[in-house]
């Protein structure tokens, strides 16, 4: 499931590069 989540995050980042930083921050909090 983690791989799917990571793939979704990557897709979201590719679709909206402006949210890349926000995604990375969320990922850091999730860890």
N, C-alpha and C. Protein backbone atom coordinates (compact mmCIF):
# COMPACT_ATOMS: atom_id res chain seq x y z
N UNK A 1 0.84 -1.21 0.00
CA UNK A 1 0.00 0.00 0.00
C UNK A 1 0.88 1.26 0.00
N UNK A 2 2.04 1.16 0.65
CA UNK A 2 2.92 2.32 0.72
C UNK A 2 3.39 2.74 -0.67
N UNK A 3 3.67 1.74 -1.52
CA UNK A 3 4.12 2.04 -2.88
C UNK A 3 3.04 2.78 -3.64
N UNK A 4 1.81 2.35 -3.47
CA UNK A 4 0.69 3.00 -4.17
C UNK A 4 0.56 4.45 -3.69
N UNK A 5 0.73 4.64 -2.41
CA UNK A 5 0.63 5.99 -1.85
C UNK A 5 1.74 6.87 -2.41
N UNK A 6 2.94 6.31 -2.50
CA UNK A 6 4.07 7.06 -3.03
C UNK A 6 3.84 7.42 -4.50
N UNK A 7 3.28 6.47 -5.24
CA UNK A 7 2.99 6.70 -6.66
C UNK A 7 1.97 7.81 -6.81
N UNK A 8 0.96 7.79 -5.95
CA UNK A 8 -0.08 8.82 -6.00
C UNK A 8 0.53 10.19 -5.69
N UNK A 9 1.43 10.21 -4.72
CA UNK A 9 2.09 11.46 -4.35
C UNK A 9 2.92 11.98 -5.52
N UNK A 10 3.64 11.07 -6.18
CA UNK A 10 4.48 11.46 -7.31
C UNK A 10 3.62 12.02 -8.43
N UNK A 11 2.48 11.36 -8.68
CA UNK A 11 1.57 11.82 -9.73
C UNK A 11 1.03 13.21 -9.38
N UNK A 12 0.66 13.39 -8.12
CA UNK A 12 0.14 14.68 -7.69
C UNK A 12 1.21 15.76 -7.85
N UNK A 13 2.44 15.41 -7.50
CA UNK A 13 3.54 16.36 -7.61
C UNK A 13 3.79 16.72 -9.07
N UNK A 14 3.70 15.72 -9.94
CA UNK A 14 3.93 15.96 -11.37
C UNK A 14 2.81 16.81 -11.95
N UNK A 15 1.60 16.61 -11.45
CA UNK A 15 0.45 17.36 -11.94
C UNK A 15 0.48 18.79 -11.40
N UNK A 16 0.94 18.94 -10.15
CA UNK A 16 0.99 20.26 -9.54
C UNK A 16 2.36 20.48 -8.89
N UNK A 17 3.37 20.87 -9.66
CA UNK A 17 4.73 21.09 -9.13
C UNK A 17 4.75 22.08 -7.97
N UNK A 18 3.77 22.97 -7.93
CA UNK A 18 3.75 23.97 -6.86
C UNK A 18 3.47 23.31 -5.52
N UNK A 19 2.88 22.13 -5.56
CA UNK A 19 2.56 21.44 -4.30
C UNK A 19 3.62 20.42 -3.91
N UNK A 20 4.72 20.39 -4.66
CA UNK A 20 5.77 19.41 -4.37
C UNK A 20 6.31 19.61 -2.96
N UNK A 21 6.57 20.85 -2.61
CA UNK A 21 7.10 21.15 -1.27
C UNK A 21 6.11 20.72 -0.21
N UNK A 22 4.83 20.99 -0.44
CA UNK A 22 3.81 20.62 0.54
C UNK A 22 3.75 19.10 0.68
N UNK A 23 3.86 18.39 -0.43
CA UNK A 23 3.83 16.92 -0.39
C UNK A 23 5.03 16.39 0.39
N UNK A 24 6.19 16.97 0.15
CA UNK A 24 7.40 16.53 0.86
C UNK A 24 7.25 16.80 2.36
N UNK A 25 6.67 17.94 2.69
CA UNK A 25 6.49 18.28 4.10
C UNK A 25 5.52 17.28 4.74
N UNK A 26 4.44 16.96 4.03
CA UNK A 26 3.47 16.01 4.55
C UNK A 26 4.11 14.64 4.73
N UNK A 27 4.94 14.25 3.76
CA UNK A 27 5.62 12.96 3.82
C UNK A 27 6.56 12.93 5.04
N UNK A 28 7.23 14.04 5.30
CA UNK A 28 8.14 14.11 6.44
C UNK A 28 7.35 13.95 7.74
N UNK A 29 6.18 14.58 7.80
CA UNK A 29 5.33 14.47 9.00
C UNK A 29 4.81 13.04 9.14
N UNK A 30 4.46 12.43 8.02
CA UNK A 30 3.93 11.06 8.05
C UNK A 30 4.98 10.10 8.59
N UNK A 31 6.24 10.34 8.25
CA UNK A 31 7.31 9.47 8.73
C UNK A 31 7.51 9.65 10.22
